[in-house]
Amino acid sequence: MCLAIPMCITAVDGLNARCEARGIYRDISLFMLQDDLPVIGDFVMVSVGQAVRKVSPEDARLSWELYDLILAETPN
């Protein structure tokens, strides 16, 4: 099973991007989205260092809400 995390693009350099989610920054590859490259401010779903698809800000927010619910129910 794969898990993708919604992140916001903060910088783009060719097929690489810097993304942020909740204060965490990651450098990711945009190779899989090269036919429709995201720009600064776009949200992407990131899995294993790769942007796998663009999403709307609303979908990114909803994803984080679901992850928060799951984490709240997970025993420590």
N, C-alpha and C. Protein backbone atom coordinates (compact mmCIF):
# COMPACT_ATOMS: atom_id res chain seq x y z
N MET A 1 0.84 -1.17 0.00
CA MET A 1 0.00 0.00 0.00
C MET A 1 0.89 1.24 0.00
N CYS A 2 0.50 2.22 -0.79
CA CYS A 2 1.24 3.48 -0.86
C CYS A 2 0.46 4.57 -0.15
N LEU A 3 1.18 5.48 0.44
CA LEU A 3 0.57 6.62 1.09
C LEU A 3 1.16 7.87 0.47
N ALA A 4 0.31 8.77 0.00
CA ALA A 4 0.77 10.04 -0.57
C ALA A 4 0.35 11.17 0.37
N ILE A 5 1.23 12.14 0.48
CA ILE A 5 1.01 13.27 1.38
C ILE A 5 0.81 14.53 0.54
N PRO A 6 -0.22 15.32 0.83
CA PRO A 6 -0.39 16.57 0.09
C PRO A 6 0.63 17.61 0.55
N MET A 7 1.29 18.22 -0.43
CA MET A 7 2.29 19.24 -0.14
C MET A 7 2.11 20.39 -1.12
N CYS A 8 2.55 21.57 -0.68
CA CYS A 8 2.46 22.78 -1.50
C CYS A 8 3.83 23.07 -2.12
N ILE A 9 3.86 23.33 -3.41
CA ILE A 9 5.10 23.66 -4.12
C ILE A 9 5.55 25.07 -3.71
N THR A 10 6.79 25.19 -3.25
CA THR A 10 7.33 26.50 -2.87
C THR A 10 8.41 26.98 -3.84
N ALA A 11 9.00 26.08 -4.61
CA ALA A 11 10.01 26.44 -5.59
C ALA A 11 10.09 25.34 -6.64
N VAL A 12 10.39 25.73 -7.87
CA VAL A 12 10.52 24.77 -8.97
C VAL A 12 11.84 25.02 -9.67
N ASP A 13 12.56 23.93 -9.95
CA ASP A 13 13.81 23.99 -10.70
C ASP A 13 13.81 22.84 -11.69
N GLY A 14 13.32 23.09 -12.89
CA GLY A 14 13.22 22.03 -13.90
C GLY A 14 12.21 20.98 -13.46
N LEU A 15 12.69 19.75 -13.32
CA LEU A 15 11.81 18.65 -12.90
C LEU A 15 11.95 18.35 -11.41
N ASN A 16 12.48 19.30 -10.66
CA ASN A 16 12.60 19.17 -9.21
C ASN A 16 11.85 20.31 -8.55
N ALA A 17 11.34 20.06 -7.36
CA ALA A 17 10.60 21.10 -6.65
C ALA A 17 10.87 21.00 -5.16
N ARG A 18 10.71 22.11 -4.49
CA ARG A 18 10.75 22.17 -3.03
C ARG A 18 9.30 22.30 -2.59
N CYS A 19 8.89 21.45 -1.66
CA CYS A 19 7.50 21.43 -1.19
C CYS A 19 7.46 21.59 0.32
N GLU A 20 6.29 22.03 0.81
CA GLU A 20 6.09 22.22 2.24
C GLU A 20 4.75 21.66 2.65
N ALA A 21 4.74 21.04 3.82
CA ALA A 21 3.51 20.58 4.46
C ALA A 21 3.71 20.65 5.96
N ARG A 22 2.91 21.49 6.61
CA ARG A 22 2.96 21.61 8.07
C ARG A 22 4.34 21.92 8.61
N GLY A 23 5.06 22.80 7.91
CA GLY A 23 6.37 23.22 8.37
C GLY A 23 7.51 22.31 7.98
N ILE A 24 7.22 21.20 7.31
CA ILE A 24 8.25 20.26 6.86
C ILE A 24 8.49 20.51 5.37
N TYR A 25 9.76 20.63 4.99
CA TYR A 25 10.12 20.86 3.60
C TYR A 25 10.79 19.62 3.02
N ARG A 26 10.50 19.32 1.77
CA ARG A 26 11.10 18.20 1.07
C ARG A 26 11.40 18.60 -0.36
N ASP A 27 12.49 18.05 -0.90
CA ASP A 27 12.79 18.19 -2.32
C ASP A 27 12.21 16.96 -3.01
N ILE A 28 11.43 17.19 -4.06
CA ILE A 28 10.76 16.09 -4.74
C ILE A 28 10.99 16.16 -6.24
N SER A 29 10.71 15.06 -6.90
CA SER A 29 10.80 14.99 -8.35
C SER A 29 9.43 15.27 -8.96
N LEU A 30 9.44 16.02 -10.05
CA LEU A 30 8.21 16.29 -10.81
C LEU A 30 8.17 15.45 -12.09
N PHE A 31 9.05 14.49 -12.21
CA PHE A 31 9.18 13.70 -13.44
C PHE A 31 7.84 13.12 -13.89
N MET A 32 7.06 12.60 -12.96
CA MET A 32 5.79 11.96 -13.33
C MET A 32 4.73 12.97 -13.79
N LEU A 33 4.96 14.25 -13.55
CA LEU A 33 4.00 15.29 -13.94
C LEU A 33 4.55 16.19 -15.04
N GLN A 34 5.56 15.73 -15.76
CA GLN A 34 6.23 16.59 -16.72
C GLN A 34 5.33 17.05 -17.86
N ASP A 35 4.22 16.38 -18.13
CA ASP A 35 3.30 16.82 -19.18
C ASP A 35 2.41 17.97 -18.72
N ASP A 36 2.31 18.16 -17.42
CA ASP A 36 1.50 19.24 -16.85
C ASP A 36 2.19 19.71 -15.57
N LEU A 37 3.34 20.35 -15.72
CA LEU A 37 4.16 20.72 -14.57
C LEU A 37 3.43 21.66 -13.62
N PRO A 38 3.49 21.36 -12.33
CA PRO A 38 2.93 22.28 -11.34
C PRO A 38 3.80 23.52 -11.21
N VAL A 39 3.22 24.57 -10.68
CA VAL A 39 3.93 25.82 -10.46
C VAL A 39 3.88 26.15 -8.97
N ILE A 40 4.63 27.16 -8.57
CA ILE A 40 4.65 27.58 -7.17
C ILE A 40 3.22 27.88 -6.72
N GLY A 41 2.86 27.32 -5.57
CA GLY A 41 1.51 27.50 -5.02
C GLY A 41 0.58 26.33 -5.30
N ASP A 42 0.93 25.48 -6.28
CA ASP A 42 0.10 24.30 -6.55
C ASP A 42 0.30 23.26 -5.45
N PHE A 43 -0.71 22.43 -5.27
CA PHE A 43 -0.63 21.31 -4.33
C PHE A 43 -0.46 20.02 -5.12
N VAL A 44 0.41 19.16 -4.61
CA VAL A 44 0.65 17.86 -5.23
C VAL A 44 0.61 16.78 -4.16
N MET A 45 0.28 15.59 -4.57
CA MET A 45 0.36 14.43 -3.68
C MET A 45 1.75 13.83 -3.88
N VAL A 46 2.48 13.64 -2.77
CA VAL A 46 3.87 13.19 -2.82
C VAL A 46 3.97 11.80 -2.21
N SER A 47 4.59 10.90 -2.95
CA SER A 47 4.81 9.54 -2.47
C SER A 47 6.24 9.14 -2.82
N VAL A 48 7.00 8.77 -1.83
CA VAL A 48 8.38 8.29 -2.01
C VAL A 48 9.21 9.27 -2.85
N GLY A 49 9.08 10.56 -2.53
CA GLY A 49 9.89 11.57 -3.19
C GLY A 49 9.43 11.99 -4.58
N GLN A 50 8.27 11.50 -5.00
CA GLN A 50 7.73 11.81 -6.32
C GLN A 50 6.38 12.49 -6.20
N ALA A 51 6.17 13.56 -6.96
CA ALA A 51 4.83 14.12 -7.08
C ALA A 51 4.05 13.21 -8.02
N VAL A 52 2.94 12.65 -7.54
CA VAL A 52 2.20 11.69 -8.35
C VAL A 52 0.97 12.29 -9.02
N ARG A 53 0.46 13.41 -8.48
CA ARG A 53 -0.64 14.11 -9.14
C ARG A 53 -0.87 15.45 -8.47
N LYS A 54 -1.43 16.37 -9.26
CA LYS A 54 -1.82 17.66 -8.70
C LYS A 54 -3.19 17.51 -8.06
N VAL A 55 -3.42 18.28 -7.00
CA VAL A 55 -4.72 18.28 -6.33
C VAL A 55 -5.11 19.73 -6.02
N SER A 56 -6.37 19.94 -5.79
CA SER A 56 -6.85 21.26 -5.43
C SER A 56 -6.49 21.55 -3.97
N PRO A 57 -6.44 22.82 -3.59
CA PRO A 57 -6.20 23.13 -2.17
C PRO A 57 -7.24 22.47 -1.26
N GLU A 58 -8.48 22.40 -1.73
CA GLU A 58 -9.55 21.77 -0.94
C GLU A 58 -9.27 20.28 -0.74
N ASP A 59 -8.84 19.57 -1.80
CA ASP A 59 -8.52 18.16 -1.66
C ASP A 59 -7.33 17.94 -0.73
N ALA A 60 -6.34 18.84 -0.79
CA ALA A 60 -5.20 18.74 0.11
C ALA A 60 -5.66 18.89 1.56
N ARG A 61 -6.51 19.89 1.81
CA ARG A 61 -7.03 20.12 3.16
C ARG A 61 -7.83 18.91 3.66
N LEU A 62 -8.69 18.37 2.81
CA LEU A 62 -9.49 17.20 3.19
C LEU A 62 -8.61 15.99 3.49
N SER A 63 -7.56 15.81 2.72
CA SER A 63 -6.63 14.70 2.97
C SER A 63 -5.99 14.84 4.34
N TRP A 64 -5.54 16.05 4.68
CA TRP A 64 -4.94 16.26 6.00
C TRP A 64 -5.95 16.03 7.11
N GLU A 65 -7.20 16.43 6.90
CA GLU A 65 -8.23 16.17 7.92
C GLU A 65 -8.41 14.68 8.14
N LEU A 66 -8.42 13.89 7.07
CA LEU A 66 -8.54 12.44 7.21
C LEU A 66 -7.33 11.84 7.91
N TYR A 67 -6.13 12.28 7.54
CA TYR A 67 -4.93 11.78 8.21
C TYR A 67 -4.95 12.11 9.70
N ASP A 68 -5.41 13.32 10.03
CA ASP A 68 -5.51 13.70 11.46
C ASP A 68 -6.48 12.79 12.21
N LEU A 69 -7.61 12.46 11.58
CA LEU A 69 -8.57 11.55 12.21
C LEU A 69 -7.96 10.17 12.44
N ILE A 70 -7.24 9.67 11.45
CA ILE A 70 -6.60 8.36 11.57
C ILE A 70 -5.58 8.38 12.69
N LEU A 71 -4.75 9.42 12.72
CA LEU A 71 -3.72 9.51 13.76
C LEU A 71 -4.32 9.67 15.16
N ALA A 72 -5.45 10.34 15.25
CA ALA A 72 -6.10 10.51 16.55
C ALA A 72 -6.62 9.18 17.09
N GLU A 73 -6.96 8.26 16.20
CA GLU A 73 -7.51 6.96 16.62
C GLU A 73 -6.43 5.90 16.78
N THR A 74 -5.21 6.19 16.38
CA THR A 74 -4.13 5.21 16.44
C THR A 74 -3.56 5.20 17.87
N PRO A 75 -3.53 4.02 18.50
CA PRO A 75 -2.95 3.95 19.85
C PRO A 75 -1.43 4.19 19.78
N ASN A 76 -0.91 4.82 20.82
CA ASN A 76 0.53 5.11 20.87
C ASN A 76 1.30 3.93 21.33
